[in-house]
Protein backbone atom coordinates (compact mmCIF):
# COMPACT_ATOMS: atom_id res chain seq x y z
CA MET A 1 -8.41 -8.98 34.19
CA SER A 2 -9.15 -11.18 31.14
CA ASP A 3 -6.51 -12.31 28.67
CA SER A 4 -7.94 -10.03 25.97
CA ASP A 5 -7.87 -7.00 28.32
CA SER A 6 -4.24 -7.60 29.26
CA PHE A 7 -3.32 -8.16 25.64
CA SER A 8 -5.10 -4.95 24.55
CA ASP A 9 -3.16 -3.07 27.21
CA SER A 10 0.13 -4.49 25.87
CA VAL A 11 -0.81 -3.41 22.35
CA SER A 12 -1.67 0.16 23.34
CA ASN A 13 1.45 0.35 25.55
CA PRO A 14 3.90 -1.96 23.75
CA SER A 15 6.96 -3.22 25.56
CA PRO A 16 10.19 -1.79 24.16
CA VAL A 17 11.33 -5.40 23.79
CA LEU A 18 8.60 -6.19 21.22
CA SER A 19 8.89 -4.92 17.66
CA ARG A 20 5.86 -3.80 15.66
CA THR A 21 6.11 -7.00 13.62
CA GLU A 22 5.99 -9.12 16.78
CA ILE A 23 2.98 -7.17 18.03
CA ARG A 24 1.18 -7.72 14.71
CA ASP A 25 1.91 -11.44 14.95
CA LEU A 26 0.51 -11.51 18.49
CA VAL A 27 -2.65 -9.71 17.37
CA ARG A 28 -3.18 -12.27 14.59
CA ALA A 29 -2.72 -15.23 16.91
CA GLN A 30 -4.87 -13.79 19.71
CA LEU A 31 -7.68 -12.70 17.39
CA ARG A 32 -7.92 -16.13 15.82
CA ALA A 33 -7.87 -17.84 19.24
CA LEU A 34 -10.65 -15.61 20.58
CA LEU A 35 -12.85 -16.16 17.52
CA GLU A 36 -12.34 -19.93 17.72
CA GLN A 37 -13.58 -19.71 21.34
CA ASP A 38 -16.59 -17.60 20.22
CA ASN A 39 -15.34 -14.85 22.53
CA LEU A 40 -16.60 -11.95 20.41
CA GLN A 41 -16.45 -9.38 23.20
CA GLY A 42 -12.83 -10.29 23.87
CA ALA A 43 -11.98 -10.06 20.16
CA LYS A 44 -13.69 -6.66 19.93
CA ALA A 45 -11.75 -5.36 22.94
CA LEU A 46 -8.52 -6.74 21.47
CA LEU A 47 -8.90 -4.70 18.27
CA VAL A 48 -9.69 -1.37 19.94
CA PRO A 49 -6.06 -0.13 20.33
CA VAL A 50 -4.79 -1.72 17.09
CA GLN A 51 -3.99 0.37 14.01
CA PRO A 52 -6.37 -0.12 11.02
CA ALA A 53 -3.58 -1.44 8.77
CA ASP A 54 -2.63 -4.04 11.39
CA ILE A 55 -6.29 -5.04 11.84
CA ALA A 56 -6.50 -5.56 8.07
CA ASP A 57 -3.44 -7.85 8.23
CA ALA A 58 -4.99 -9.82 11.08
CA ILE A 59 -8.31 -10.25 9.22
CA GLU A 60 -6.55 -11.37 6.04
CA ASP A 61 -4.75 -14.06 8.05
CA LEU A 62 -8.05 -15.55 9.30
CA PRO A 63 -9.95 -18.39 7.60
CA LYS A 64 -12.59 -17.05 5.20
CA ALA A 65 -15.42 -18.06 7.53
CA MET A 66 -13.99 -15.85 10.30
CA GLN A 67 -13.12 -12.77 8.21
CA ALA A 68 -16.65 -11.41 8.03
CA ILE A 69 -17.20 -12.09 11.75
CA ALA A 70 -14.07 -10.15 12.72
CA PHE A 71 -14.93 -7.29 10.39
CA ARG A 72 -18.42 -6.92 11.89
CA LEU A 73 -16.84 -6.32 15.32
CA LEU A 74 -15.41 -2.99 14.15
CA ALA A 75 -17.07 0.37 14.64
CA LYS A 76 -18.44 1.84 11.41
CA ASP A 77 -15.82 4.58 10.99
CA GLU A 78 -12.97 2.21 11.76
CA ALA A 79 -14.45 -0.49 9.48
CA ILE A 80 -14.27 1.85 6.49
CA GLU A 81 -10.59 2.61 7.10
CA VAL A 82 -9.75 -1.06 7.68
CA TYR A 83 -11.61 -2.04 4.51
CA GLU A 84 -9.41 0.30 2.46
CA HIS A 85 -6.31 -1.56 3.71
CA LEU A 86 -7.60 -5.04 2.89
CA ASP A 87 -6.40 -7.04 -0.11
CA SER A 88 -8.81 -6.84 -3.05
CA SER A 89 -9.65 -10.56 -2.82
CA VAL A 90 -10.73 -10.14 0.82
CA GLN A 91 -12.70 -7.01 -0.07
CA GLN A 92 -14.61 -8.96 -2.69
CA ALA A 93 -15.25 -11.85 -0.30
CA LEU A 94 -16.66 -9.47 2.31
CA ILE A 95 -18.94 -7.84 -0.26
CA GLU A 96 -20.43 -11.25 -0.97
CA GLU A 97 -20.92 -11.91 2.76
CA PHE A 98 -22.52 -8.61 3.71
CA LYS A 99 -26.07 -7.51 3.25
CA SER A 100 -26.55 -4.97 0.48
CA GLN A 101 -27.06 -1.99 2.81
CA GLU A 102 -23.89 -2.74 4.77
CA VAL A 103 -21.88 -2.86 1.54
CA TYR A 104 -23.30 0.42 0.25
CA GLU A 105 -22.51 2.26 3.49
CA ILE A 106 -18.90 1.06 3.47
CA VAL A 107 -18.29 1.73 -0.22
CA GLU A 108 -20.05 5.10 -0.07
CA GLN A 109 -17.66 6.40 2.58
CA MET A 110 -14.41 5.05 1.13
CA SER A 111 -11.93 7.53 -0.35
CA PRO A 112 -12.71 7.96 -4.06
CA ASP A 113 -9.27 6.72 -5.16
CA ASP A 114 -9.50 3.61 -2.95
CA ARG A 115 -13.05 3.02 -4.20
CA ALA A 116 -11.91 3.26 -7.82
CA ARG A 117 -9.13 0.75 -7.08
CA LEU A 118 -11.71 -1.63 -5.58
CA PHE A 119 -14.05 -1.24 -8.57
CA ASP A 120 -11.17 -2.15 -10.88
CA GLU A 121 -11.11 -5.60 -9.23
CA LEU A 122 -14.87 -6.22 -9.02
CA PRO A 123 -17.04 -7.74 -11.76
CA ALA A 124 -18.72 -5.09 -13.94
CA LYS A 125 -22.17 -6.22 -12.82
CA VAL A 126 -21.33 -5.63 -9.14
CA VAL A 127 -19.78 -2.23 -9.93
CA ARG A 128 -22.92 -1.09 -11.75
CA ARG A 129 -25.09 -2.14 -8.83
CA LEU A 130 -22.89 -0.27 -6.34
CA LEU A 131 -22.70 2.87 -8.47
CA ILE A 132 -26.51 3.02 -8.76
CA GLN A 133 -26.88 2.96 -4.97
CA MET A 134 -24.28 5.66 -4.29
CA SER A 135 -25.05 9.33 -3.79
CA PRO A 136 -24.86 11.46 -6.99
CA GLN A 137 -21.75 13.26 -5.73
CA GLU A 138 -19.80 10.11 -4.86
CA ARG A 139 -20.95 8.41 -8.06
CA GLU A 140 -19.65 11.35 -10.10
CA LEU A 141 -16.28 11.33 -8.32
CA THR A 142 -15.83 7.58 -8.79
CA SER A 143 -16.92 7.64 -12.44
CA MET A 144 -14.47 10.46 -13.08
CA LEU A 145 -11.56 8.42 -11.72
CA LEU A 146 -12.62 5.29 -13.59
CA GLY A 147 -12.65 7.34 -16.80
CA TYR A 148 -8.87 7.75 -16.75
CA GLU A 149 -6.44 5.17 -18.09
CA PRO A 150 -5.07 2.68 -15.53
CA GLY A 151 -1.55 3.50 -14.39
CA THR A 152 -1.98 7.28 -14.76
CA ALA A 153 -2.14 10.12 -12.25
CA GLY A 154 -5.85 10.57 -13.00
CA ARG A 155 -6.62 7.00 -11.95
CA ILE A 156 -4.78 7.12 -8.59
CA MET A 157 -5.58 10.71 -7.59
CA THR A 158 -8.18 11.72 -5.03
CA PRO A 159 -10.50 14.71 -5.55
CA GLU A 160 -10.61 15.26 -1.79
CA TYR A 161 -8.41 18.35 -1.49
CA VAL A 162 -8.88 21.80 0.04
CA SER A 163 -9.03 24.72 -2.39
CA LEU A 164 -8.93 28.39 -1.38
CA LYS A 165 -9.48 31.70 -3.15
CA GLU A 166 -6.63 34.21 -3.43
CA THR A 167 -8.73 36.95 -1.82
CA MET A 168 -9.57 34.89 1.26
CA THR A 169 -7.91 36.05 4.49
CA VAL A 170 -5.82 33.70 6.61
CA ALA A 171 -8.35 33.90 9.47
CA ALA A 172 -11.21 32.96 7.15
CA ALA A 173 -9.10 30.20 5.60
CA ILE A 174 -8.40 28.63 8.99
CA ASP A 175 -12.11 28.51 9.81
CA TYR A 176 -12.83 27.04 6.37
CA ILE A 177 -10.12 24.37 6.72
CA ARG A 178 -11.32 23.42 10.20
CA GLY A 179 -14.76 22.65 8.79
CA LEU A 180 -13.35 20.38 6.07
CA ALA A 181 -10.54 18.65 7.95
CA ASP A 182 -12.53 15.50 8.76
CA ILE A 183 -13.70 14.79 5.21
CA LYS A 184 -10.67 15.67 3.08
CA GLU A 185 -7.76 13.36 2.26
CA THR A 186 -5.18 15.86 3.51
CA ILE A 187 -5.09 19.45 4.72
CA TYR A 188 -1.32 19.80 4.88
CA TYR A 189 -1.21 21.18 1.33
CA LEU A 190 -3.75 23.78 0.23
CA TYR A 191 -4.43 24.93 -3.32
CA SER A 192 -5.53 28.28 -4.68
CA ILE A 193 -7.76 28.22 -7.75
CA ASP A 194 -9.52 30.89 -9.81
CA ALA A 195 -13.15 31.02 -10.92
CA ALA A 196 -12.42 28.57 -13.76
CA ARG A 197 -10.78 26.15 -11.26
CA ARG A 198 -7.35 26.74 -12.80
CA LEU A 199 -4.51 26.18 -10.35
CA ARG A 200 -2.99 29.50 -9.28
CA GLY A 201 -0.79 28.61 -6.34
CA ILE A 202 -0.01 26.31 -3.44
CA LEU A 203 0.68 26.74 0.26
CA SER A 204 1.14 24.50 3.25
CA LEU A 205 -0.74 24.40 6.53
CA ARG A 206 2.45 25.73 8.11
CA ASP A 207 2.26 28.82 5.84
CA ILE A 208 -1.28 29.44 7.08
CA VAL A 209 -0.42 28.99 10.75
CA VAL A 210 2.57 31.37 10.77
CA ALA A 211 0.91 34.08 8.63
CA GLN A 212 -0.88 37.11 9.99
CA PRO A 213 -4.69 36.71 10.27
CA ASN A 214 -5.39 39.68 7.95
CA GLN A 215 -3.04 38.54 5.16
CA THR A 216 -4.65 37.09 2.04
CA ILE A 217 -3.95 33.69 0.51
CA GLY A 218 -2.60 35.40 -2.61
CA GLN A 219 0.05 37.15 -0.52
CA ILE A 220 1.50 34.05 1.10
CA MET A 221 1.05 31.30 -1.49
CA THR A 222 3.74 30.00 -3.86
CA ARG A 223 2.88 30.59 -7.51
CA GLU A 224 5.57 28.33 -9.01
CA VAL A 225 3.75 25.01 -8.64
CA VAL A 226 5.08 21.56 -9.50
CA GLU A 227 2.13 19.72 -11.01
CA VAL A 228 1.33 16.64 -13.10
CA GLN A 229 -1.19 15.98 -15.86
CA THR A 230 -4.04 13.51 -15.54
CA ASP A 231 -2.33 11.28 -18.13
CA THR A 232 1.11 11.38 -16.47
CA ASP A 233 2.39 7.86 -15.81
CA GLN A 234 2.10 6.86 -12.15
CA GLU A 235 5.81 5.99 -12.00
CA GLU A 236 6.68 9.53 -13.07
CA VAL A 237 4.34 10.86 -10.36
CA ALA A 238 6.18 8.73 -7.80
CA ARG A 239 9.54 10.09 -8.99
CA ILE A 240 8.32 13.68 -8.69
CA ILE A 241 7.04 13.16 -5.14
CA GLN A 242 10.33 11.50 -4.20
CA ARG A 243 12.49 14.16 -5.87
CA TYR A 244 10.79 17.10 -4.16
CA ASP A 245 9.90 15.35 -0.87
CA PHE A 246 6.21 16.17 -1.32
CA LEU A 247 3.35 14.80 0.73
CA ALA A 248 1.08 15.34 -2.27
CA VAL A 249 1.25 16.65 -5.83
CA PRO A 250 -1.61 18.45 -7.65
CA VAL A 251 -3.13 16.92 -10.80
CA VAL A 252 -4.43 19.19 -13.55
CA ASP A 253 -6.24 18.52 -16.82
CA ARG A 254 -5.31 19.90 -20.24
CA GLU A 255 -6.96 23.24 -19.44
CA LYS A 256 -4.81 23.49 -16.26
CA ARG A 257 -7.87 23.00 -14.05
CA LEU A 258 -7.19 21.34 -10.72
CA VAL A 259 -8.99 17.98 -10.64
CA GLY A 260 -7.27 16.16 -7.78
CA ILE A 261 -4.11 15.34 -5.85
CA VAL A 262 -1.92 12.27 -5.56
CA THR A 263 -0.79 11.68 -1.98
CA VAL A 264 2.38 9.97 -0.79
CA ASP A 265 0.49 6.94 0.57
CA ASP A 266 -0.92 6.27 -2.90
CA VAL A 267 2.57 6.60 -4.36
CA LEU A 268 3.93 3.99 -1.94
CA ASP A 269 1.35 1.53 -3.29
CA VAL A 270 2.46 2.40 -6.83
CA VAL A 271 6.14 1.89 -6.01
CA GLU A 272 5.43 -1.52 -4.50
CA ALA A 273 3.29 -2.60 -7.45
CA GLU A 274 5.80 -1.41 -10.04
CA ALA A 275 8.73 -3.03 -8.21
CA THR A 276 6.81 -6.32 -8.06
CA GLU A 277 6.02 -6.09 -11.77
CA ASP A 278 9.68 -5.44 -12.64
CA ILE A 279 10.89 -8.34 -10.49
CA TYR A 280 8.43 -10.68 -12.19
CA ALA A 281 9.49 -9.38 -15.60
CA LEU A 282 13.18 -9.93 -14.80
CA GLY A 283 12.31 -13.56 -14.21
CA GLY A 284 10.46 -13.78 -17.52
CA LEU A 285 7.05 -13.76 -15.83
CA GLN A 286 4.14 -11.80 -17.27
CA ALA A 287 2.10 -10.85 -14.21
CA GLY A 288 -1.37 -9.53 -14.85
CA ASP A 289 -2.10 -5.97 -13.77
CA GLY A 290 -2.96 -5.96 -10.09
CA ASP A 291 -2.80 -9.74 -9.82
CA ASP A 292 -1.54 -11.49 -6.71
CA TYR A 293 0.75 -14.06 -8.29
CA PHE A 294 0.27 -16.56 -5.46
CA GLN A 295 -3.54 -16.33 -5.70
CA THR A 296 -3.68 -16.69 -9.48
CA ASN A 297 -4.97 -19.88 -11.08
CA LEU A 298 -2.11 -22.32 -11.75
CA LEU A 299 -3.06 -22.79 -15.41
CA THR A 300 -2.93 -19.01 -15.87
CA VAL A 301 0.45 -18.92 -14.14
CA ALA A 302 1.81 -21.67 -16.39
CA ARG A 303 0.47 -19.96 -19.53
CA ARG A 304 2.21 -16.71 -18.62
CA ARG A 305 5.49 -18.37 -17.77
CA VAL A 306 5.71 -20.72 -20.72
CA LEU A 307 6.07 -18.01 -23.39
CA TRP A 308 9.65 -17.03 -22.66
CA LEU A 309 10.56 -20.61 -21.83
CA PHE A 310 9.55 -21.55 -25.37
CA VAL A 311 11.57 -18.62 -26.74
CA LEU A 312 14.63 -19.73 -24.78
CA LEU A 313 14.09 -23.35 -25.76
CA ILE A 314 14.08 -22.49 -29.44
CA THR A 315 16.93 -19.97 -29.38
CA ASN A 316 19.14 -22.25 -27.30
CA THR A 317 19.15 -24.66 -30.23
CA GLY A 318 21.76 -22.21 -31.48
CA THR A 319 24.03 -23.42 -28.69
CA SER A 320 23.58 -27.00 -29.86
CA ALA A 321 24.38 -25.93 -33.42
CA VAL A 322 27.61 -24.25 -32.29
CA ILE A 323 28.70 -27.34 -30.33
CA ASN A 324 27.85 -29.57 -33.28
CA SER A 325 29.95 -27.41 -35.62
CA GLN A 326 32.97 -27.77 -33.31
CA GLN A 327 32.96 -31.55 -33.03
CA GLU A 328 36.54 -31.79 -34.29
CA VAL A 329 38.08 -29.95 -31.36
CA LEU A 330 35.73 -31.59 -28.83
CA GLN A 331 36.58 -35.07 -30.07
CA LYS A 332 40.29 -34.40 -29.70
CA VAL A 333 40.00 -32.75 -26.30
CA VAL A 334 36.91 -34.17 -24.59
CA ALA A 335 37.85 -32.36 -21.34
CA LEU A 336 36.66 -29.09 -22.89
CA THR A 337 33.02 -30.14 -22.52
CA ALA A 338 33.31 -30.21 -18.73
CA PHE A 339 33.72 -26.42 -18.57
CA ILE A 340 30.89 -25.35 -20.91
CA PRO A 341 28.25 -25.15 -18.11
CA LEU A 342 30.70 -23.21 -15.91
CA LEU A 343 31.43 -20.62 -18.60
CA ILE A 344 27.91 -19.96 -19.84
CA GLY A 345 26.54 -20.05 -16.28
CA THR A 346 29.07 -17.45 -15.12
CA GLY A 347 28.40 -15.34 -18.21
CA GLY A 348 24.66 -15.46 -17.54
CA ASN A 349 25.20 -14.32 -13.94
CA VAL A 350 27.45 -11.43 -15.00
CA GLY A 351 24.92 -10.35 -17.64
CA ALA A 352 22.05 -10.56 -15.14
CA GLN A 353 23.96 -8.32 -12.71
CA SER A 354 24.60 -5.68 -15.38
CA SER A 355 21.02 -5.72 -16.65
CA THR A 356 19.66 -5.47 -13.11
CA VAL A 357 21.64 -2.32 -12.23
CA VAL A 358 20.84 -0.71 -15.60
CA ILE A 359 17.11 -1.48 -15.41
CA ARG A 360 17.00 -0.16 -11.85
CA GLY A 361 18.84 2.96 -12.99
CA LEU A 362 16.29 3.45 -15.76
CA ASN A 363 13.40 3.10 -13.32
CA THR A 364 14.89 5.60 -10.87
CA ASP A 365 16.07 7.96 -13.64
CA ARG A 366 19.65 7.81 -12.30
CA LEU A 367 21.25 7.13 -15.71
CA ARG A 368 20.20 10.37 -17.38
CA SER A 369 23.34 12.22 -16.29
CA LEU A 370 25.70 9.52 -17.60
CA GLY A 371 24.23 8.82 -21.02
CA PRO A 372 23.94 5.43 -22.78
CA LEU A 373 27.53 5.17 -24.05
CA LYS A 374 29.08 5.88 -20.66
CA VAL A 375 26.77 3.36 -18.99
CA ILE A 376 27.72 0.63 -21.47
CA ALA A 377 31.42 1.49 -21.25
CA ARG A 378 31.31 1.45 -17.45
CA GLU A 379 29.60 -1.94 -17.27
CA THR A 380 31.83 -3.45 -19.98
CA THR A 381 34.91 -2.34 -18.06
CA ALA A 382 33.45 -3.83 -14.89
CA GLY A 383 32.92 -7.07 -16.83
CA LEU A 384 36.57 -7.04 -17.87
CA PHE A 385 37.72 -6.67 -14.26
CA LEU A 386 35.33 -9.40 -13.12
CA GLY A 387 36.49 -11.70 -15.90
CA ILE A 388 40.16 -11.27 -15.02
CA MET A 389 39.55 -11.93 -11.31
CA LEU A 390 37.42 -14.99 -12.00
CA ALA A 391 39.77 -16.28 -14.71
CA LEU A 392 42.75 -16.31 -12.34
CA VAL A 393 40.91 -18.71 -10.05
CA VAL A 394 39.27 -20.81 -12.77
CA THR A 395 42.51 -21.28 -14.72
CA VAL A 396 44.22 -22.76 -11.67
CA TRP A 397 41.15 -24.89 -10.94
CA ALA A 398 40.96 -26.18 -14.52
CA TYR A 399 44.63 -27.10 -14.54
CA TRP A 400 44.28 -28.94 -11.22
CA LEU A 401 41.34 -30.93 -12.60
CA GLN A 402 42.72 -31.78 -16.06
CA GLN A 403 46.49 -31.35 -15.70
CA ASP A 404 46.43 -29.69 -19.13
CA VAL A 405 47.84 -26.19 -19.54
CA ALA A 406 46.17 -25.62 -22.93
CA VAL A 407 42.72 -26.46 -21.59
CA ALA A 408 43.23 -24.32 -18.49
CA VAL A 409 44.41 -21.31 -20.53
CA SER A 410 41.50 -21.74 -22.97
CA VAL A 411 39.03 -21.70 -20.09
CA GLY A 412 40.63 -18.63 -18.50
CA ILE A 413 40.79 -16.54 -21.69
CA SER A 414 37.26 -17.55 -22.65
CA LEU A 415 35.92 -16.54 -19.24
CA VAL A 416 37.38 -13.04 -19.63
CA ALA A 417 35.87 -12.66 -23.10
CA ILE A 418 32.47 -14.04 -22.03
CA SER A 419 32.34 -11.74 -18.99
CA VAL A 420 33.00 -8.71 -21.21
CA LEU A 421 30.34 -9.89 -23.68
CA ALA A 422 27.80 -10.53 -20.93
CA SER A 423 28.35 -7.12 -19.32
CA ALA A 424 28.07 -5.34 -22.67
CA ALA A 425 24.86 -7.21 -23.52
CA GLY A 426 23.43 -6.79 -20.02
CA SER A 427 23.91 -3.00 -20.14
CA SER A 428 23.11 -2.26 -23.78
CA LEU A 429 20.01 -4.41 -24.35
CA PRO A 430 17.83 -2.71 -21.66
CA LEU A 431 18.76 0.69 -23.12
CA LEU A 432 17.96 -0.54 -26.63
CA PHE A 433 14.59 -1.96 -25.62
CA GLN A 434 13.65 1.24 -23.82
CA LYS A 435 14.55 3.21 -26.95
CA LEU A 436 12.27 0.93 -28.98
CA GLY A 437 9.40 1.49 -26.52
CA LEU A 438 9.55 -2.04 -25.09
CA ASP A 439 9.70 -3.07 -21.44
CA PRO A 440 13.43 -3.51 -20.62
CA ALA A 441 12.69 -5.70 -17.59
CA LEU A 442 10.58 -8.16 -19.58
CA MET A 443 12.64 -8.26 -22.80
CA SER A 444 16.22 -8.21 -21.51
CA ALA A 445 16.51 -11.51 -19.61
CA PRO A 446 15.77 -13.97 -22.45
CA PHE A 447 17.89 -12.10 -24.99
CA ILE A 448 20.86 -11.80 -22.63
CA THR A 449 20.62 -15.50 -21.80
CA THR A 450 20.52 -16.42 -25.48
CA ALA A 451 23.42 -14.14 -26.44
CA VAL A 452 25.62 -15.41 -23.63
CA ASP A 453 24.81 -19.07 -24.26
CA VAL A 454 25.29 -19.10 -28.01
CA LEU A 455 28.15 -16.62 -28.33
CA GLY A 456 29.80 -17.83 -25.11
CA VAL A 457 30.09 -21.39 -26.39
CA PHE A 458 31.27 -20.12 -29.77
CA ILE A 459 33.99 -17.97 -28.14
CA TYR A 460 35.12 -20.82 -25.88
CA LEU A 461 35.44 -23.43 -28.62
CA THR A 462 37.04 -20.94 -31.01
CA VAL A 463 39.67 -19.99 -28.42
CA ALA A 464 40.28 -23.68 -27.64
CA ARG A 465 40.70 -24.47 -31.37
CA LEU A 466 43.29 -21.72 -31.75
CA ILE A 467 45.26 -22.67 -28.65
CA ILE A 468 45.04 -26.46 -28.75
CA LEU A 469 44.93 -27.21 -32.48
CA GLY A 470 47.03 -24.24 -33.50
């Protein structure tokens, strides 16, 4: 038995000791080794039992020269599914490597929503060429999806759903579904529409299976349907699917006509993309839509990151102005300067914690039941508790360093006040920015940092002036 045969057997019958991650890593390593040895038959055999998503990971990990070779080893049906899982940059690279006919066959048979996502990343000239070569039906489906705004239900939906008439019997419906099962995105949810394609009801495959053969669809379907509009934001679609534990949600236009469905696998992609965008925004980074940050040109990266750094650079001159205005107390007690970084750094961390939980609560819609005032009050109180706990330690530490009770007390009181300020700012600013229609994740961080730095230093030196100078 060859190495590739034994490895394929271990993939199809994995040892309970190996995790799926370890198996994926083994596939990557073995595939690369076989291709480097020009053992194409062994590489082909290796990929037979591997899941399409794992094959896509393995291909992405290969050098560019090997990616097209590995992809050509796949059977046509499997190649289409693997292609849908590949990163957009790899998809584009493969398009450039393939002959025109190979590209058209792959793109033609992709799911319409995955195809629209690919076309979003391709140059307009390439998209036009591909659309011309597609069948009229697939071209119409793709053009329809591309006509909706990015980030909406219409853009991520698939028109591959199963629709039934109310008068159809269960027995006839089962035969109809069986004929469409291989070409539709999902058959687990079924939709009843009228002659004008307006959505009338919904039922599951389970409802069909347990019903009597002579019952009609209208008798067993649910008429109270949870639906979304084509212009509904994709994040709201994700929340609806999560809230109701759906596998898919129907998408209707303004005339209530059913135009597609959004499936849970598409929503998972949305959740990942939105979470990545929010994390970048929290760090003051403006990531381009759909961009892979680590594959973006460095000059573009620097241009996006420098904006808020300039804002912070300019606004932090306020901190310098505050320190300059308090030269009298600093000259008399130079030891006070040693604790400025500690205080504003701690305040910044407390504010970042508050803003993070509030922004996450906004994204998951968990704050609606509390209301803005309760959220701010809760976080401000938490800041007070944090400040007291931290101040007890810092006061002792400051006294041990400086042997000066006045300095130690000034540091401790200031830390409590700064923690309360930071928590209040961290919780209120995201809510304010959302109210103004701005992105809380992007806007909050620089403003919280500025408020804590400038006001924190002002509070500290004011408290020190009152305690030390009297």
